[in-house]
Amino acid sequence: MATLVQAVRLALHYGETHLGVTDVFGEDVGPPLGGVFTATQGLKTAWNTPLDERGILGTAMGIAYAGGRPVCEIQFCDYAFNSIDLMKVAGNQRWCSGGQFPLPMVVMTPNGAGIRGSIYHSHSFESWASRLAGWKVVMPSNPLDAYGLMLSAIADPNPVLVLLPKALMRVKGDKPLPGEPADADELARRIDAPIGDRTQWQPDWPEVSEYFVPIGRGDLVREGDSATVVTWGRLVPVCVRAADDLSRELGFTFDVIDLRSIFPYDWDLIAHSVEKTGRVLIANEDTEVTNFGEHLLRRVVDEHFYDLLVKPRTLMGKHVPGIGINQTYEENSVPQYTDVVAAMRDLAADAA
């Protein structure tokens, strides 16, 4: 099975071969490195830029305006703040033209904690991104969704931000990509650049095929009756593990929803589940003040107050300026498995 980062690379290859991607660029995106997480190794349209996030975003806008279809990378989402004003401008262009001038550009960036990246490489950006009207924002939690969401992002006429959970980049999926080799070692031999001299290396791309995950549609990854858990990114597999453990140990069963798209998001899926269970936890690792999860909680209260059996809950990262490189600091800054288990158990056991 492909890893998440291999899935992104295969999607970009499919995009430049079949969907009209004209440029893939960013800091260290081209040869010889092919991206700090190796997401762009071997791509024929990949090239390197200076260390300039504003230049990267402005270039992507210009290429898209001129009829191209670019994919650019901000090396870590922490540095998206350097260009957030340009992101605001990019978001309003198609709207300002009444739909006459599309802006088909993709910005991909690693997101969140989990790799001990310290203060400058551990931020979560989805709550900030959700305020950028005109953008679509997605965050896959597994390789197949990464592949399908990236293809949907490339094909979309709007600017799309693809947030890639750093902690899940090397995690293999449990479902194959369409056309990937059955042998994971074979896939690695064919598309992973060798360590050392790469001057003569060329990838041997497998014949992957079209697969779109619709932007705005979540995924019910576990089904149950005790409570609803809405989550995304790094915490999806954590919440799934907690749901499985609590089902086995205490008999509680959970609807676990992988949101997949921050905006637009699948409100119908959330609403149906809340109506069924009457209990909801929204879990993510972004900081807790003006968190996107708070928006979802507010909407749950506004539209489903009389369906709730107990108070709705959130589980979020601490409101601290950054995350320390020490593992203890990181684990106490963003939710971990024990925090998720405790929150889900307390929600399910709360007396109505």
Protein backbone atom coordinates (compact mmCIF):
# COMPACT_ATOMS: atom_id res chain seq x y z
CA MET A 1 0.00 0.00 0.00
CA ALA A 2 1.17 3.53 -0.77
CA THR A 3 1.97 5.99 1.98
CA LEU A 4 0.14 9.31 2.11
CA VAL A 5 3.09 11.20 0.61
CA GLN A 6 3.47 8.63 -2.18
CA ALA A 7 -0.25 9.06 -2.91
CA VAL A 8 0.21 12.82 -3.24
CA ARG A 9 3.14 12.27 -5.62
CA LEU A 10 1.14 9.85 -7.74
CA ALA A 11 -1.79 12.28 -7.84
CA LEU A 12 0.48 15.09 -9.00
CA HIS A 13 1.94 12.82 -11.69
CA TYR A 14 -1.58 11.95 -12.84
CA GLY A 15 -2.45 15.65 -12.75
CA GLU A 16 0.44 16.73 -14.97
CA THR A 17 -0.20 13.82 -17.34
CA HIS A 18 -4.00 13.94 -17.61
CA LEU A 19 -5.48 17.02 -15.89
CA GLY A 20 -3.42 19.82 -17.36
CA VAL A 21 -1.11 20.67 -14.45
CA THR A 22 1.45 23.04 -15.94
CA ASP A 23 3.75 23.74 -12.98
CA VAL A 24 4.58 22.18 -9.61
CA PHE A 25 6.87 24.47 -7.65
CA GLY A 26 8.06 25.72 -4.27
CA GLU A 27 11.10 25.66 -2.03
CA ASP A 28 13.12 22.48 -2.75
CA VAL A 29 10.19 21.08 -4.73
CA GLY A 30 12.20 20.37 -7.87
CA PRO A 31 15.29 18.18 -8.25
CA PRO A 32 17.37 16.99 -6.58
CA LEU A 33 15.33 16.94 -3.34
CA GLY A 34 11.75 16.69 -4.60
CA GLY A 35 10.24 18.27 -1.50
CA VAL A 36 11.19 18.00 2.16
CA PHE A 37 8.66 15.16 2.53
CA THR A 38 9.44 13.81 -1.00
CA ALA A 39 5.97 14.67 -2.34
CA THR A 40 7.30 15.95 -5.68
CA GLN A 41 10.15 13.59 -6.58
CA GLY A 42 10.39 12.76 -10.26
CA LEU A 43 7.65 15.11 -11.49
CA LYS A 44 8.37 16.49 -14.95
CA THR A 45 6.89 19.94 -14.20
CA ALA A 46 8.53 20.42 -10.77
CA TRP A 47 10.91 23.34 -10.23
CA ASN A 48 12.54 25.19 -7.34
CA THR A 49 11.79 28.70 -6.12
CA PRO A 50 13.59 31.11 -3.83
CA LEU A 51 12.76 31.10 -0.12
CA ASP A 52 9.78 33.40 -0.63
CA GLU A 53 6.22 32.36 0.24
CA ARG A 54 4.72 35.59 -1.13
CA GLY A 55 6.59 35.06 -4.38
CA ILE A 56 5.37 31.47 -4.57
CA LEU A 57 1.73 32.41 -4.07
CA GLY A 58 1.90 35.41 -6.38
CA THR A 59 3.52 33.30 -9.09
CA ALA A 60 0.78 30.68 -8.77
CA MET A 61 -1.87 33.37 -9.14
CA GLY A 62 -0.16 34.75 -12.25
CA ILE A 63 0.17 31.31 -13.86
CA ALA A 64 -3.50 30.56 -13.16
CA TYR A 65 -4.61 33.95 -14.54
CA ALA A 66 -2.61 33.27 -17.70
CA GLY A 67 -4.41 29.99 -18.33
CA GLY A 68 -2.11 27.56 -16.54
CA ARG A 69 -3.00 25.13 -13.81
CA PRO A 70 -0.33 25.37 -11.09
CA VAL A 71 0.28 23.43 -7.90
CA CYS A 72 2.58 25.21 -5.47
CA GLU A 73 3.88 24.21 -2.07
CA ILE A 74 4.45 26.22 1.06
CA GLN A 75 7.11 24.10 2.72
CA PHE A 76 5.40 24.18 6.15
CA CYS A 77 2.02 25.74 6.90
CA ASP A 78 3.64 27.85 9.64
CA TYR A 79 4.97 30.06 6.83
CA ALA A 80 1.60 30.58 5.16
CA PHE A 81 1.21 33.56 7.46
CA ASN A 82 3.85 35.31 5.34
CA SER A 83 1.35 35.46 2.49
CA ILE A 84 -2.08 35.43 4.08
CA ASP A 85 -2.99 38.79 2.51
CA LEU A 86 -2.34 37.34 -0.95
CA MET A 87 -4.41 34.30 -0.03
CA LYS A 88 -7.26 36.67 0.77
CA VAL A 89 -6.88 38.31 -2.65
CA ALA A 90 -6.74 34.92 -4.41
CA GLY A 91 -9.96 33.91 -2.70
CA ASN A 92 -11.97 36.84 -3.95
CA GLN A 93 -10.89 36.96 -7.60
CA ARG A 94 -13.38 34.53 -9.14
CA TRP A 95 -16.18 36.00 -7.03
CA CYS A 96 -15.28 39.58 -8.05
CA SER A 97 -15.50 38.61 -11.72
CA GLY A 98 -18.90 36.99 -11.34
CA GLY A 99 -17.34 33.65 -12.22
CA GLN A 100 -15.87 34.86 -15.51
CA PHE A 101 -12.23 34.46 -14.44
CA PRO A 102 -11.50 31.18 -12.65
CA LEU A 103 -8.36 30.81 -10.56
CA PRO A 104 -7.50 27.08 -10.78
CA MET A 105 -4.55 26.89 -8.40
CA VAL A 106 -3.65 24.43 -5.66
CA VAL A 107 -1.55 25.28 -2.63
CA MET A 108 -0.37 22.25 -0.67
CA THR A 109 1.37 22.47 2.70
CA PRO A 110 2.24 20.14 5.60
CA ASN A 111 0.06 20.81 8.64
CA GLY A 112 0.03 20.13 12.36
CA ALA A 113 2.20 18.48 14.99
CA GLY A 114 3.43 14.94 15.52
CA ILE A 115 7.00 15.12 14.22
CA ARG A 116 8.59 17.17 17.02
CA GLY A 117 9.03 20.08 14.64
CA SER A 118 9.16 22.69 17.40
CA ILE A 119 7.74 26.18 17.27
CA TYR A 120 8.28 26.91 13.55
CA HIS A 121 7.17 23.57 12.09
CA SER A 122 4.24 22.35 14.21
CA HIS A 123 1.40 24.78 13.58
CA SER A 124 -2.12 23.93 12.46
CA PHE A 125 -3.56 26.24 9.83
CA GLU A 126 -7.09 24.99 9.18
CA SER A 127 -8.88 27.46 11.47
CA TRP A 128 -7.15 30.40 9.81
CA ALA A 129 -7.82 28.90 6.38
CA SER A 130 -11.53 28.46 7.10
CA ARG A 131 -11.82 32.28 7.23
CA LEU A 132 -10.41 32.73 3.72
CA ALA A 133 -13.65 33.11 1.78
CA GLY A 134 -13.39 31.88 -1.79
CA TRP A 135 -10.95 29.08 -0.96
CA LYS A 136 -11.75 25.41 -0.66
CA VAL A 137 -9.79 23.70 2.11
CA VAL A 138 -9.23 19.95 2.40
CA MET A 139 -7.25 17.71 4.75
CA PRO A 140 -6.89 13.98 4.01
CA SER A 141 -6.15 11.45 6.75
CA ASN A 142 -5.17 8.48 4.56
CA PRO A 143 -3.46 7.84 1.21
CA LEU A 144 -6.56 7.06 -0.87
CA ASP A 145 -8.28 10.26 0.26
CA ALA A 146 -5.06 12.21 -0.33
CA TYR A 147 -4.98 10.92 -3.91
CA GLY A 148 -8.67 11.61 -4.55
CA LEU A 149 -8.76 15.02 -2.88
CA MET A 150 -5.63 16.16 -4.72
CA LEU A 151 -7.19 15.24 -8.07
CA SER A 152 -10.38 17.09 -7.12
CA ALA A 153 -8.33 20.11 -6.05
CA ILE A 154 -6.44 20.15 -9.37
CA ALA A 155 -9.67 19.95 -11.38
CA ASP A 156 -11.46 22.69 -9.39
CA PRO A 157 -11.75 26.22 -10.90
CA ASN A 158 -11.27 27.80 -7.46
CA PRO A 159 -8.12 28.10 -5.36
CA VAL A 160 -7.82 25.01 -3.16
CA LEU A 161 -5.64 24.58 -0.08
CA VAL A 162 -4.54 21.00 0.58
CA LEU A 163 -3.38 20.55 4.18
CA LEU A 164 -1.29 17.40 4.63
CA PRO A 165 -0.92 16.07 8.19
CA LYS A 166 2.82 15.86 8.87
CA ALA A 167 2.43 12.97 11.30
CA LEU A 168 0.66 10.82 8.68
CA MET A 169 2.97 11.40 5.70
CA ARG A 170 4.73 8.03 6.04
CA VAL A 171 1.67 6.04 7.12
CA LYS A 172 0.45 3.38 4.69
CA GLY A 173 -3.20 3.08 3.83
CA ASP A 174 -5.49 0.08 4.08
CA LYS A 175 -7.05 0.63 0.65
CA PRO A 176 -5.06 0.60 -2.60
CA LEU A 177 -4.87 3.51 -4.98
CA PRO A 178 -6.35 2.68 -8.39
CA GLY A 179 -3.50 1.16 -10.38
CA GLU A 180 -0.77 1.09 -7.73
CA PRO A 181 1.39 -2.07 -7.57
CA ALA A 182 0.27 -4.62 -5.00
CA ASP A 183 3.81 -4.84 -3.63
CA ALA A 184 4.72 -1.76 -1.56
CA ASP A 185 8.43 -2.45 -2.06
CA GLU A 186 7.93 -2.46 -5.81
CA LEU A 187 6.16 0.90 -5.63
CA ALA A 188 9.02 2.35 -3.58
CA ARG A 189 11.62 1.03 -6.06
CA ARG A 190 9.72 2.61 -8.94
CA ILE A 191 8.88 6.07 -7.62
CA ASP A 192 11.10 6.83 -4.58
CA ALA A 193 14.36 8.56 -5.52
CA PRO A 194 17.50 6.84 -4.24
CA ILE A 195 19.61 8.31 -1.47
CA GLY A 196 22.74 9.94 -2.83
CA ASP A 197 23.37 10.77 -6.47
CA ARG A 198 20.07 11.22 -8.35
CA THR A 199 21.36 12.87 -11.49
CA GLN A 200 20.48 9.91 -13.73
CA TRP A 201 17.40 8.69 -11.82
CA GLN A 202 14.01 8.64 -13.49
CA PRO A 203 10.79 7.31 -11.91
CA ASP A 204 8.97 4.35 -13.41
CA TRP A 205 5.42 5.56 -12.92
CA PRO A 206 2.69 2.93 -12.53
CA GLU A 207 -0.48 3.36 -14.57
CA VAL A 208 -2.64 4.94 -11.87
CA SER A 209 -6.13 5.99 -12.89
CA GLU A 210 -8.71 8.62 -12.17
CA TYR A 211 -10.23 8.74 -8.68
CA PHE A 212 -11.97 11.81 -7.28
CA VAL A 213 -13.03 12.40 -3.68
CA PRO A 214 -15.68 15.14 -3.87
CA ILE A 215 -14.66 18.29 -1.99
CA GLY A 216 -17.22 18.89 0.75
CA ARG A 217 -18.10 15.27 1.48
CA GLY A 218 -17.05 13.67 4.77
CA ASP A 219 -16.57 10.00 5.51
CA LEU A 220 -18.23 7.95 8.26
CA VAL A 221 -15.24 5.79 9.22
CA ARG A 222 -16.89 4.12 12.24
CA GLU A 223 -20.59 3.71 12.96
CA GLY A 224 -22.29 3.54 16.35
CA ASP A 225 -25.07 4.80 18.60
CA SER A 226 -23.42 6.09 21.79
CA ALA A 227 -22.05 9.41 20.48
CA THR A 228 -20.74 11.32 17.47
CA VAL A 229 -17.09 12.27 17.05
CA VAL A 230 -16.20 14.78 14.33
CA THR A 231 -12.51 15.06 13.52
CA TRP A 232 -9.97 15.53 10.73
CA GLY A 233 -6.30 15.08 9.88
CA ARG A 234 -3.92 13.53 12.41
CA LEU A 235 -6.65 12.78 14.95
CA VAL A 236 -8.75 10.61 12.63
CA PRO A 237 -6.79 7.37 13.23
CA VAL A 238 -6.48 8.31 16.91
CA CYS A 239 -10.27 8.66 17.26
CA VAL A 240 -10.83 5.43 15.33
CA ARG A 241 -8.47 3.57 17.65
CA ALA A 242 -10.20 5.06 20.70
CA ALA A 243 -13.64 4.12 19.35
CA ASP A 244 -12.54 0.53 18.73
CA ASP A 245 -10.99 0.25 22.21
CA LEU A 246 -14.02 1.73 24.00
CA SER A 247 -16.37 -0.53 22.05
CA ARG A 248 -14.41 -3.59 23.06
CA GLU A 249 -13.83 -2.59 26.69
CA LEU A 250 -17.04 -0.75 27.66
CA GLY A 251 -19.56 -1.45 24.92
CA PHE A 252 -19.80 2.16 23.73
CA THR A 253 -20.09 2.60 19.95
CA PHE A 254 -19.39 5.81 18.06
CA ASP A 255 -20.05 7.50 14.77
CA VAL A 256 -16.57 8.74 13.86
CA ILE A 257 -16.72 11.29 11.06
CA ASP A 258 -13.61 12.17 9.06
CA LEU A 259 -14.55 15.64 7.84
CA ARG A 260 -11.97 15.55 4.99
CA SER A 261 -13.05 19.03 3.82
CA ILE A 262 -12.79 22.00 6.17
CA PHE A 263 -14.67 24.14 3.66
CA PRO A 264 -17.10 23.40 2.24
CA TYR A 265 -17.88 20.81 4.89
CA ASP A 266 -20.41 17.99 5.07
CA TRP A 267 -23.01 19.44 7.41
CA ASP A 268 -25.64 16.89 6.40
CA LEU A 269 -23.42 14.03 7.61
CA ILE A 270 -22.79 15.76 10.94
CA ALA A 271 -26.43 16.73 11.45
CA HIS A 272 -27.76 13.24 10.71
CA SER A 273 -25.33 11.70 13.19
CA VAL A 274 -26.12 14.22 15.95
CA GLU A 275 -29.84 13.59 15.48
CA LYS A 276 -29.17 9.89 15.91
CA THR A 277 -26.82 9.92 18.93
CA GLY A 278 -27.68 13.16 20.76
CA ARG A 279 -24.03 13.51 21.83
CA VAL A 280 -21.14 15.13 19.97
CA LEU A 281 -17.41 15.69 20.41
CA ILE A 282 -15.42 17.78 17.93
CA ALA A 283 -11.72 16.90 18.15
CA ASN A 284 -8.76 18.52 16.43
CA GLU A 285 -5.24 19.75 17.23
CA ASP A 286 -5.50 23.43 16.31
CA THR A 287 -5.34 25.94 19.17
CA GLU A 288 -8.50 26.28 21.21
CA VAL A 289 -9.33 30.00 20.81
CA THR A 290 -11.36 30.75 17.63
CA ASN A 291 -10.90 27.15 16.56
CA PHE A 292 -12.85 25.84 13.55
CA GLY A 293 -14.32 23.21 15.85
CA GLU A 294 -15.98 26.01 17.80
CA HIS A 295 -17.82 27.03 14.63
CA LEU A 296 -19.13 23.49 14.23
CA LEU A 297 -20.15 23.37 17.90
CA ARG A 298 -22.02 26.66 17.55
CA ARG A 299 -23.91 25.34 14.56
CA VAL A 300 -24.75 22.10 16.36
CA VAL A 301 -26.22 24.13 19.23
CA ASP A 302 -28.09 26.50 16.90
CA GLU A 303 -29.67 23.81 14.74
CA HIS A 304 -29.82 20.74 17.00
CA PHE A 305 -30.17 22.05 20.54
CA TYR A 306 -33.29 19.95 21.21
CA ASP A 307 -31.68 16.82 19.76
CA LEU A 308 -28.82 16.96 22.28
CA LEU A 309 -28.96 14.69 25.33
CA VAL A 310 -25.87 16.19 27.00
CA LYS A 311 -23.71 19.25 26.44
CA PRO A 312 -21.63 19.16 23.24
CA ARG A 313 -17.88 19.09 23.68
CA THR A 314 -14.66 20.07 21.95
CA LEU A 315 -11.14 18.70 22.32
CA MET A 316 -8.50 21.05 20.94
CA GLY A 317 -4.87 22.10 21.25
CA LYS A 318 -3.69 24.40 24.01
CA HIS A 319 -3.72 28.14 23.32
CA VAL A 320 0.06 28.55 23.52
CA PRO A 321 2.40 30.54 21.22
CA GLY A 322 4.08 27.41 19.91
CA ILE A 323 4.98 23.78 20.48
CA GLY A 324 8.30 22.92 22.07
CA ILE A 325 10.66 20.42 20.44
CA ASN A 326 10.78 18.36 23.63
CA GLN A 327 8.38 15.44 23.22
CA THR A 328 6.77 16.17 26.60
CA TYR A 329 5.97 19.72 25.49
CA GLU A 330 4.46 18.52 22.22
CA GLU A 331 2.37 15.81 23.86
CA ASN A 332 0.96 18.31 26.36
CA SER A 333 0.20 20.94 23.71
CA VAL A 334 -1.99 18.95 21.33
CA PRO A 335 -4.46 16.11 22.03
CA GLN A 336 -3.02 12.60 22.37
CA TYR A 337 -4.65 9.17 22.46
CA THR A 338 -5.26 9.28 26.23
CA ASP A 339 -6.97 12.67 25.91
CA VAL A 340 -9.19 11.39 23.12
CA VAL A 341 -10.17 8.23 25.04
CA ALA A 342 -11.02 10.23 28.15
CA ALA A 343 -13.15 12.75 26.21
CA MET A 344 -15.03 10.05 24.29
CA ARG A 345 -15.63 7.92 27.40
CA ASP A 346 -16.90 10.90 29.41
CA LEU A 347 -19.22 11.95 26.57
CA ALA A 348 -20.72 8.49 26.14
CA ALA A 349 -21.10 7.89 29.90
CA ASP A 350 -22.58 11.29 30.76
CA ALA A 351 -26.06 10.85 32.27
CA ALA A 352 -28.73 12.40 30.06
